[in-house]
Amino acid sequence: MTTRAGDHPGASFRGFHRWLKFNLVGALGVAVQLAVLLAFKSGFHLNYLLATALAVETAVVHNFLWHERYTWADRVHPSWQKSLPRLLRFNLAAGGVSIAGNLALMKLMVGLGHMNYLIANAIAIASCSLLNFMVSEEWIFEAEVTNVQGKLAAPPE
């Protein structure tokens, strides 16, 4: 018999608790992203779209490290062998959503709407958050399957 973490009573509370952790990490990531954006745009005078892409990627890596060790710490066991493929999935999925969403929304709000780039970026971040949580919860940090003895088992086919 195999079970997944979360397949028991109290799973909805655990999901809500995880959502809160995700948002705490996300808030730290927002601070990282906005600081990097400010540095690249105002300090290094990069184009706002290039500065946005670099800031998002910095925040994606920051958030992955925290999510693996804090948000989904009950599901995953960090190791180079498992963490590197997970980082690549996170970067492709959550990073892809964040970069594409942020760039599209920034182009719309800043490029066409002439909104302040920091305010526009905060709106873009919030807009991509829910989709990133769902992708992370169901695919990136899915529960590792364990057998009745509590040992890792092969994933179900």
C-alpha atoms as a PDB file:
ATOM      1  CA  MET A   1       0.000   0.000   0.000  1.00  0.00           C
ATOM      2  CA  THR A   2       1.290   3.437  -0.859  1.00  0.00           C
ATOM      3  CA  THR A   3       0.187   6.876   0.267  1.00  0.00           C
ATOM      4  CA  ARG A   4       0.969  10.431  -0.647  1.00  0.00           C
ATOM      5  CA  ALA A   5       1.468  13.207   1.862  1.00  0.00           C
ATOM      6  CA  GLY A   6      -1.829  15.068   1.955  1.00  0.00           C
ATOM      7  CA  ASP A   7      -4.033  11.961   1.457  1.00  0.00           C
ATOM      8  CA  HIS A   8      -5.484  12.123   4.965  1.00  0.00           C
ATOM      9  CA  PRO A   9      -7.856  14.119   7.162  1.00  0.00           C
ATOM     10  CA  GLY A  10      -6.492  17.579   7.799  1.00  0.00           C
ATOM     11  CA  ALA A  11      -5.114  17.838   4.269  1.00  0.00           C
ATOM     12  CA  SER A  12      -7.182  20.959   3.579  1.00  0.00           C
ATOM     13  CA  PHE A  13      -5.690  22.700   6.628  1.00  0.00           C
ATOM     14  CA  ARG A  14      -2.236  21.593   5.494  1.00  0.00           C
ATOM     15  CA  GLY A  15      -2.996  23.006   2.038  1.00  0.00           C
ATOM     16  CA  PHE A  16      -4.070  26.336   3.536  1.00  0.00           C
ATOM     17  CA  HIS A  17      -0.983  26.393   5.760  1.00  0.00           C
ATOM     18  CA  ARG A  18       1.177  25.677   2.697  1.00  0.00           C
ATOM     19  CA  TRP A  19      -0.587  28.524   0.815  1.00  0.00           C
ATOM     20  CA  LEU A  20       0.344  30.875   3.672  1.00  0.00           C
ATOM     21  CA  LYS A  21       3.971  29.705   3.560  1.00  0.00           C
ATOM     22  CA  PHE A  22       3.973  30.105  -0.225  1.00  0.00           C
ATOM     23  CA  ASN A  23       2.795  33.691   0.157  1.00  0.00           C
ATOM     24  CA  LEU A  24       5.382  34.458   2.849  1.00  0.00           C
ATOM     25  CA  VAL A  25       8.154  33.183   0.572  1.00  0.00           C
ATOM     26  CA  GLY A  26       6.496  35.047  -2.280  1.00  0.00           C
ATOM     27  CA  ALA A  27       6.551  38.293  -0.291  1.00  0.00           C
ATOM     28  CA  LEU A  28      10.289  37.857   0.268  1.00  0.00           C
ATOM     29  CA  GLY A  29      10.642  37.083  -3.437  1.00  0.00           C
ATOM     30  CA  VAL A  30       8.734  40.261  -4.307  1.00  0.00           C
ATOM     31  CA  ALA A  31      11.191  42.280  -2.229  1.00  0.00           C
ATOM     32  CA  VAL A  32      14.105  40.546  -3.980  1.00  0.00           C
ATOM     33  CA  GLN A  33      12.544  41.059  -7.407  1.00  0.00           C
ATOM     34  CA  LEU A  34      11.739  44.730  -6.863  1.00  0.00           C
ATOM     35  CA  ALA A  35      15.201  45.440  -5.420  1.00  0.00           C
ATOM     36  CA  VAL A  36      16.905  43.749  -8.366  1.00  0.00           C
ATOM     37  CA  LEU A  37      14.580  45.508 -10.813  1.00  0.00           C
ATOM     38  CA  LEU A  38      15.347  48.854  -9.210  1.00  0.00           C
ATOM     39  CA  ALA A  39      19.087  48.150  -9.304  1.00  0.00           C
ATOM     40  CA  PHE A  40      19.120  47.057 -12.947  1.00  0.00           C
ATOM     41  CA  LYS A  41      16.713  49.750 -14.203  1.00  0.00           C
ATOM     42  CA  SER A  42      17.806  52.761 -12.169  1.00  0.00           C
ATOM     43  CA  GLY A  43      21.334  51.781 -11.190  1.00  0.00           C
ATOM     44  CA  PHE A  44      22.553  50.135 -14.407  1.00  0.00           C
ATOM     45  CA  HIS A  45      20.064  51.878 -16.732  1.00  0.00           C
ATOM     46  CA  LEU A  46      18.956  48.668 -18.426  1.00  0.00           C
ATOM     47  CA  ASN A  47      15.772  48.590 -20.502  1.00  0.00           C
ATOM     48  CA  TYR A  48      12.779  47.916 -18.226  1.00  0.00           C
ATOM     49  CA  LEU A  49      11.935  44.627 -19.995  1.00  0.00           C
ATOM     50  CA  LEU A  50      15.493  43.233 -19.701  1.00  0.00           C
ATOM     51  CA  ALA A  51      15.678  44.443 -16.097  1.00  0.00           C
ATOM     52  CA  THR A  52      12.315  42.745 -15.420  1.00  0.00           C
ATOM     53  CA  ALA A  53      13.447  39.410 -16.900  1.00  0.00           C
ATOM     54  CA  LEU A  54      16.658  39.419 -14.838  1.00  0.00           C
ATOM     55  CA  ALA A  55      14.784  40.417 -11.678  1.00  0.00           C
ATOM     56  CA  VAL A  56      12.179  37.686 -12.176  1.00  0.00           C
ATOM     57  CA  GLU A  57      14.853  35.021 -12.688  1.00  0.00           C
ATOM     58  CA  THR A  58      16.638  36.132  -9.518  1.00  0.00           C
ATOM     59  CA  ALA A  59      13.374  35.897  -7.576  1.00  0.00           C
ATOM     60  CA  VAL A  60      12.554  32.490  -9.111  1.00  0.00           C
ATOM     61  CA  VAL A  61      15.830  30.981  -7.868  1.00  0.00           C
ATOM     62  CA  HIS A  62      15.403  32.668  -4.471  1.00  0.00           C
ATOM     63  CA  ASN A  63      11.843  31.342  -4.144  1.00  0.00           C
ATOM     64  CA  PHE A  64      12.793  27.817  -5.230  1.00  0.00           C
ATOM     65  CA  LEU A  65      15.400  27.540  -2.488  1.00  0.00           C
ATOM     66  CA  TRP A  66      12.912  28.678   0.157  1.00  0.00           C
ATOM     67  CA  HIS A  67      10.051  26.550  -1.183  1.00  0.00           C
ATOM     68  CA  GLU A  68      12.144  23.402  -1.209  1.00  0.00           C
ATOM     69  CA  ARG A  69      13.385  23.915   2.342  1.00  0.00           C
ATOM     70  CA  TYR A  70      10.344  25.595   3.903  1.00  0.00           C
ATOM     71  CA  THR A  71       7.062  25.589   1.964  1.00  0.00           C
ATOM     72  CA  TRP A  72       7.232  21.977   0.779  1.00  0.00           C
ATOM     73  CA  ALA A  73       9.812  20.689   3.287  1.00  0.00           C
ATOM     74  CA  ASP A  74       7.377  17.974   4.407  1.00  0.00           C
ATOM     75  CA  ARG A  75       7.194  16.595   0.858  1.00  0.00           C
ATOM     76  CA  VAL A  76      10.686  16.734  -0.546  1.00  0.00           C
ATOM     77  CA  HIS A  77      14.166  15.865   0.587  1.00  0.00           C
ATOM     78  CA  PRO A  78      16.709  18.265  -0.917  1.00  0.00           C
ATOM     79  CA  SER A  79      19.669  16.635  -2.608  1.00  0.00           C
ATOM     80  CA  TRP A  80      21.633  17.544  -5.718  1.00  0.00           C
ATOM     81  CA  GLN A  81      20.236  14.478  -7.478  1.00  0.00           C
ATOM     82  CA  LYS A  82      16.595  15.500  -6.871  1.00  0.00           C
ATOM     83  CA  SER A  83      16.895  19.262  -6.407  1.00  0.00           C
ATOM     84  CA  LEU A  84      18.530  20.077  -9.732  1.00  0.00           C
ATOM     85  CA  PRO A  85      15.776  18.467 -11.873  1.00  0.00           C
ATOM     86  CA  ARG A  86      13.184  20.040  -9.551  1.00  0.00           C
ATOM     87  CA  LEU A  87      14.840  23.467 -10.012  1.00  0.00           C
ATOM     88  CA  LEU A  88      14.724  22.993 -13.776  1.00  0.00           C
ATOM     89  CA  ARG A  89      10.992  22.091 -13.612  1.00  0.00           C
ATOM     90  CA  PHE A  90      10.338  25.049 -11.302  1.00  0.00           C
ATOM     91  CA  ASN A  91      12.279  27.371 -13.577  1.00  0.00           C
ATOM     92  CA  LEU A  92      10.431  26.159 -16.679  1.00  0.00           C
ATOM     93  CA  ALA A  93       6.972  26.167 -15.122  1.00  0.00           C
ATOM     94  CA  ALA A  94       6.810  28.826 -12.408  1.00  0.00           C
ATOM     95  CA  GLY A  95       9.668  30.773 -13.963  1.00  0.00           C
ATOM     96  CA  GLY A  96       8.056  30.579 -17.376  1.00  0.00           C
ATOM     97  CA  VAL A  97       4.708  31.765 -16.020  1.00  0.00           C
ATOM     98  CA  SER A  98       6.430  34.553 -14.089  1.00  0.00           C
ATOM     99  CA  ILE A  99       8.690  35.761 -16.877  1.00  0.00           C
ATOM    100  CA  ALA A 100       6.046  35.561 -19.634  1.00  0.00           C
ATOM    101  CA  GLY A 101       3.341  37.019 -17.403  1.00  0.00           C
ATOM    102  CA  ASN A 102       5.557  39.766 -16.022  1.00  0.00           C
ATOM    103  CA  LEU A 103       6.919  40.770 -19.419  1.00  0.00           C
ATOM    104  CA  ALA A 104       3.483  40.807 -21.062  1.00  0.00           C
ATOM    105  CA  LEU A 105       1.892  42.755 -18.225  1.00  0.00           C
ATOM    106  CA  MET A 106       4.852  45.154 -17.973  1.00  0.00           C
ATOM    107  CA  LYS A 107       4.675  45.843 -21.709  1.00  0.00           C
ATOM    108  CA  LEU A 108       0.953  46.502 -21.372  1.00  0.00           C
ATOM    109  CA  MET A 109       1.059  48.610 -18.207  1.00  0.00           C
ATOM    110  CA  VAL A 110       4.388  50.443 -18.668  1.00  0.00           C
ATOM    111  CA  GLY A 111       4.909  50.402 -22.413  1.00  0.00           C
ATOM    112  CA  LEU A 112       1.335  51.167 -23.402  1.00  0.00           C
ATOM    113  CA  GLY A 113      -0.205  52.527 -20.191  1.00  0.00           C
ATOM    114  CA  HIS A 114       2.799  54.562 -19.009  1.00  0.00           C
ATOM    115  CA  MET A 115       2.396  53.275 -15.443  1.00  0.00           C
ATOM    116  CA  ASN A 116       5.312  53.466 -12.993  1.00  0.00           C
ATOM    117  CA  TYR A 117       7.437  50.347 -13.580  1.00  0.00           C
ATOM    118  CA  LEU A 118       7.637  49.367  -9.883  1.00  0.00           C
ATOM    119  CA  ILE A 119       3.858  49.578  -9.351  1.00  0.00           C
ATOM    120  CA  ALA A 120       3.262  47.705 -12.605  1.00  0.00           C
ATOM    121  CA  ASN A 121       5.704  44.998 -11.563  1.00  0.00           C
ATOM    122  CA  ALA A 122       3.985  44.512  -8.194  1.00  0.00           C
ATOM    123  CA  ILE A 123       0.652  44.055 -10.030  1.00  0.00           C
ATOM    124  CA  ALA A 124       2.245  41.589 -12.459  1.00  0.00           C
ATOM    125  CA  ILE A 125       3.717  39.541  -9.593  1.00  0.00           C
ATOM    126  CA  ALA A 126       0.357  39.255  -7.828  1.00  0.00           C
ATOM    127  CA  SER A 127      -1.335  38.280 -11.087  1.00  0.00           C
ATOM    128  CA  CYS A 128       0.993  35.296 -11.627  1.00  0.00           C
ATOM    129  CA  SER A 129       0.982  34.067  -8.011  1.00  0.00           C
ATOM    130  CA  LEU A 130      -2.030  31.727  -7.939  1.00  0.00           C
ATOM    131  CA  LEU A 131      -1.047  29.901 -11.111  1.00  0.00           C
ATOM    132  CA  ASN A 132       2.477  29.444  -9.768  1.00  0.00           C
ATOM    133  CA  PHE A 133       1.148  27.960  -6.513  1.00  0.00           C
ATOM    134  CA  MET A 134      -1.046  25.459  -8.352  1.00  0.00           C
ATOM    135  CA  VAL A 135       1.791  24.369 -10.661  1.00  0.00           C
ATOM    136  CA  SER A 136       4.173  24.036  -7.719  1.00  0.00           C
ATOM    137  CA  GLU A 137       1.688  22.147  -5.546  1.00  0.00           C
ATOM    138  CA  GLU A 138       0.687  19.622  -8.190  1.00  0.00           C
ATOM    139  CA  TRP A 139       3.843  19.140 -10.256  1.00  0.00           C
ATOM    140  CA  ILE A 140       7.045  20.688  -8.934  1.00  0.00           C
ATOM    141  CA  PHE A 141       6.812  19.679  -5.283  1.00  0.00           C
ATOM    142  CA  GLU A 142       4.350  16.797  -5.534  1.00  0.00           C
ATOM    143  CA  ALA A 143       4.437  14.449  -2.588  1.00  0.00           C
ATOM    144  CA  GLU A 144       6.922  11.630  -2.768  1.00  0.00           C
ATOM    145  CA  VAL A 145       5.176   8.274  -2.576  1.00  0.00           C
ATOM    146  CA  THR A 146       5.919   6.152   0.494  1.00  0.00           C
ATOM    147  CA  ASN A 147       5.050   2.579   1.318  1.00  0.00           C
ATOM    148  CA  VAL A 148       3.460   1.438   4.595  1.00  0.00           C
ATOM    149  CA  GLN A 149       6.877   1.206   6.226  1.00  0.00           C
ATOM    150  CA  GLY A 150       7.430   4.905   5.514  1.00  0.00           C
ATOM    151  CA  LYS A 151      10.101   4.307   2.868  1.00  0.00           C
ATOM    152  CA  LEU A 152      10.109   5.952  -0.557  1.00  0.00           C
ATOM    153  CA  ALA A 153       8.356   3.804  -3.125  1.00  0.00           C
ATOM    154  CA  ALA A 154       8.272   3.903  -6.899  1.00  0.00           C
ATOM    155  CA  PRO A 155       5.720   6.387  -8.222  1.00  0.00           C
ATOM    156  CA  PRO A 156       2.390   4.850  -9.289  1.00  0.00           C
ATOM    157  CA  GLU A 157       2.005   4.162 -12.995  1.00  0.00           C
END
